[in-house]
C-alpha atoms as a PDB file:
ATOM      1  CA  MET A   1      88.676 104.931 115.763  1.00  0.00           C
ATOM      2  CA  SER A   2      88.968 105.675 112.091  1.00  0.00           C
ATOM      3  CA  ASN A   3      86.567 107.754 110.070  1.00  0.00           C
ATOM      4  CA  SER A   4      85.426 107.427 106.411  1.00  0.00           C
ATOM      5  CA  SER A   5      88.031 109.627 105.135  1.00  0.00           C
ATOM      6  CA  GLU A   6      90.822 107.623 106.581  1.00  0.00           C
ATOM      7  CA  ASP A   7      89.256 104.355 105.414  1.00  0.00           C
ATOM      8  CA  ALA A   8      88.995 105.819 101.994  1.00  0.00           C
ATOM      9  CA  ASP A   9      92.733 106.620 102.158  1.00  0.00           C
ATOM     10  CA  LEU A  10      93.563 103.228 103.165  1.00  0.00           C
ATOM     11  CA  GLN A  11      91.111 101.501 100.739  1.00  0.00           C
ATOM     12  CA  GLN A  12      92.495 103.724  97.847  1.00  0.00           C
ATOM     13  CA  ALA A  13      96.090 102.706  98.790  1.00  0.00           C
ATOM     14  CA  ARG A  14      95.143  99.044  98.647  1.00  0.00           C
ATOM     15  CA  ALA A  15      93.381  99.726  95.031  1.00  0.00           C
ATOM     16  CA  ASP A  16      96.576 101.398  93.930  1.00  0.00           C
ATOM     17  CA  LEU A  17      98.782  98.447  95.221  1.00  0.00           C
ATOM     18  CA  GLU A  18      96.642  95.922  93.318  1.00  0.00           C
ATOM     19  CA  LEU A  19      97.127  98.077  90.230  1.00  0.00           C
ATOM     20  CA  ALA A  20     100.849  97.994  90.879  1.00  0.00           C
ATOM     21  CA  THR A  21     101.056  94.181  91.088  1.00  0.00           C
ATOM     22  CA  GLU A  22      99.789  93.924  87.466  1.00  0.00           C
ATOM     23  CA  THR A  23     102.888  95.720  86.149  1.00  0.00           C
ATOM     24  CA  ALA A  24     105.414  94.883  88.960  1.00  0.00           C
ATOM     25  CA  GLY A  25     108.506  92.831  88.395  1.00  0.00           C
ATOM     26  CA  ASP A  26     108.977  89.599  90.071  1.00  0.00           C
ATOM     27  CA  ASP A  27     111.489  91.075  92.471  1.00  0.00           C
ATOM     28  CA  VAL A  28     108.959  93.483  94.018  1.00  0.00           C
ATOM     29  CA  ARG A  29     105.527  91.804  93.518  1.00  0.00           C
ATOM     30  CA  ASP A  30     105.474  89.857  96.557  1.00  0.00           C
ATOM     31  CA  VAL A  31     106.347  93.050  98.661  1.00  0.00           C
ATOM     32  CA  ILE A  32     103.454  94.805  97.016  1.00  0.00           C
ATOM     33  CA  ARG A  33     101.100  91.888  97.572  1.00  0.00           C
ATOM     34  CA  ASP A  34     101.976  91.531 101.188  1.00  0.00           C
ATOM     35  CA  THR A  35     101.478  95.226 101.960  1.00  0.00           C
ATOM     36  CA  ALA A  36      98.137  95.111 100.246  1.00  0.00           C
ATOM     37  CA  ALA A  37      97.201  92.247 102.302  1.00  0.00           C
ATOM     38  CA  ALA A  38      98.369  93.992 105.437  1.00  0.00           C
ATOM     39  CA  PHE A  39      96.467  97.094 104.622  1.00  0.00           C
ATOM     40  CA  ALA A  40      93.407  94.938 104.204  1.00  0.00           C
ATOM     41  CA  GLU A  41      93.970  93.461 107.749  1.00  0.00           C
ATOM     42  CA  ILE A  42      94.488  97.048 109.224  1.00  0.00           C
ATOM     43  CA  ALA A  43      91.311  98.138 107.541  1.00  0.00           C
ATOM     44  CA  ALA A  44      89.279  95.169 109.055  1.00  0.00           C
ATOM     45  CA  SER A  45      90.733  95.731 112.333  1.00  0.00           C
ATOM     46  CA  GLU A  46      88.745  97.298 115.339  1.00  0.00           C
ATOM     47  CA  SER A  47      91.959  98.595 116.738  1.00  0.00           C
ATOM     48  CA  GLU A  48      94.130 101.358 115.441  1.00  0.00           C
ATOM     49  CA  ALA A  49      97.255 100.395 113.340  1.00  0.00           C
ATOM     50  CA  ASP A  50     100.513 100.218 115.088  1.00  0.00           C
ATOM     51  CA  HIS A  51     102.599 103.379 114.009  1.00  0.00           C
ATOM     52  CA  ALA A  52     105.798 101.411 113.820  1.00  0.00           C
ATOM     53  CA  VAL A  53     104.374  98.543 111.849  1.00  0.00           C
ATOM     54  CA  PHE A  54     102.645 100.905 109.555  1.00  0.00           C
ATOM     55  CA  ASP A  55     106.040 102.613 108.945  1.00  0.00           C
ATOM     56  CA  GLU A  56     107.535  99.390 108.110  1.00  0.00           C
ATOM     57  CA  HIS A  57     105.145  98.876 105.318  1.00  0.00           C
ATOM     58  CA  LEU A  58     105.604 102.403 103.958  1.00  0.00           C
ATOM     59  CA  ASN A  59     109.369 101.853 103.833  1.00  0.00           C
ATOM     60  CA  ALA A  60     108.866  98.598 102.033  1.00  0.00           C
ATOM     61  CA  LEU A  61     106.684 100.434  99.451  1.00  0.00           C
ATOM     62  CA  ARG A  62     109.281 103.201  99.081  1.00  0.00           C
ATOM     63  CA  GLN A  63     111.917 100.513  98.527  1.00  0.00           C
ATOM     64  CA  ALA A  64     109.872  98.705  96.051  1.00  0.00           C
ATOM     65  CA  ARG A  65     109.225 101.888  94.259  1.00  0.00           C
ATOM     66  CA  ARG A  66     112.942 102.685  93.725  1.00  0.00           C
ATOM     67  CA  GLU A  67     113.443  99.097  92.274  1.00  0.00           C
ATOM     68  CA  SER A  68     110.494  99.378  89.900  1.00  0.00           C
ATOM     69  CA  ASP A  69     109.932 100.490  86.291  1.00  0.00           C
ATOM     70  CA  ALA A  70     108.242 103.733  85.712  1.00  0.00           C
ATOM     71  CA  GLU A  71     104.812 102.471  85.368  1.00  0.00           C
ATOM     72  CA  THR A  72     104.775 100.626  88.591  1.00  0.00           C
ATOM     73  CA  ALA A  73     106.571 103.314  90.319  1.00  0.00           C
ATOM     74  CA  ASP A  74     103.873 105.743  89.484  1.00  0.00           C
ATOM     75  CA  ARG A  75     101.313 103.450  90.779  1.00  0.00           C
ATOM     76  CA  LEU A  76     103.306 102.882  93.903  1.00  0.00           C
ATOM     77  CA  LYS A  77     103.696 106.666  94.268  1.00  0.00           C
ATOM     78  CA  ASP A  78      99.862 107.035  94.285  1.00  0.00           C
ATOM     79  CA  ALA A  79      99.678 104.225  96.896  1.00  0.00           C
ATOM     80  CA  ILE A  80     102.258 105.704  99.180  1.00  0.00           C
ATOM     81  CA  GLU A  81     100.518 109.254  99.072  1.00  0.00           C
ATOM     82  CA  HIS A  82      97.258 107.552 100.312  1.00  0.00           C
ATOM     83  CA  ALA A  83      98.988 105.388 102.835  1.00  0.00           C
ATOM     84  CA  GLU A  84     100.932 108.523 104.235  1.00  0.00           C
ATOM     85  CA  SER A  85      97.566 110.405 104.452  1.00  0.00           C
ATOM     86  CA  TYR A  86      96.224 107.543 106.429  1.00  0.00           C
ATOM     87  CA  ARG A  87      99.305 107.478 108.721  1.00  0.00           C
ATOM     88  CA  GLN A  88      98.903 111.139 109.433  1.00  0.00           C
ATOM     89  CA  SER A  89      95.464 110.442 110.729  1.00  0.00           C
ATOM     90  CA  LEU A  90      97.068 107.962 113.147  1.00  0.00           C
ATOM     91  CA  GLU A  91      99.336 110.547 114.597  1.00  0.00           C
ATOM     92  CA  GLN A  92      96.298 112.757 115.401  1.00  0.00           C
ATOM     93  CA  ALA A  93      94.540 110.049 117.246  1.00  0.00           C
END
């Protein structure tokens, strides 16, 4: 079961992703939107996120960051940091 700190990390990651979509190029915008939607589903779910699936989302964001301009990459960096913090809480569960 998640606590408010974990939820805050996931919510902040989603907010960072929403900002990133504003500056993202066409080649990465869909990946960012899809990941934000997946994070919303995880936040709404009563069950704990699947580690492997969550790692796939993180890897997709890391790849998108490598392919983005500086402004989008900075926003993705913030999202990744919050998502990684959330991911660490899953490992302790």
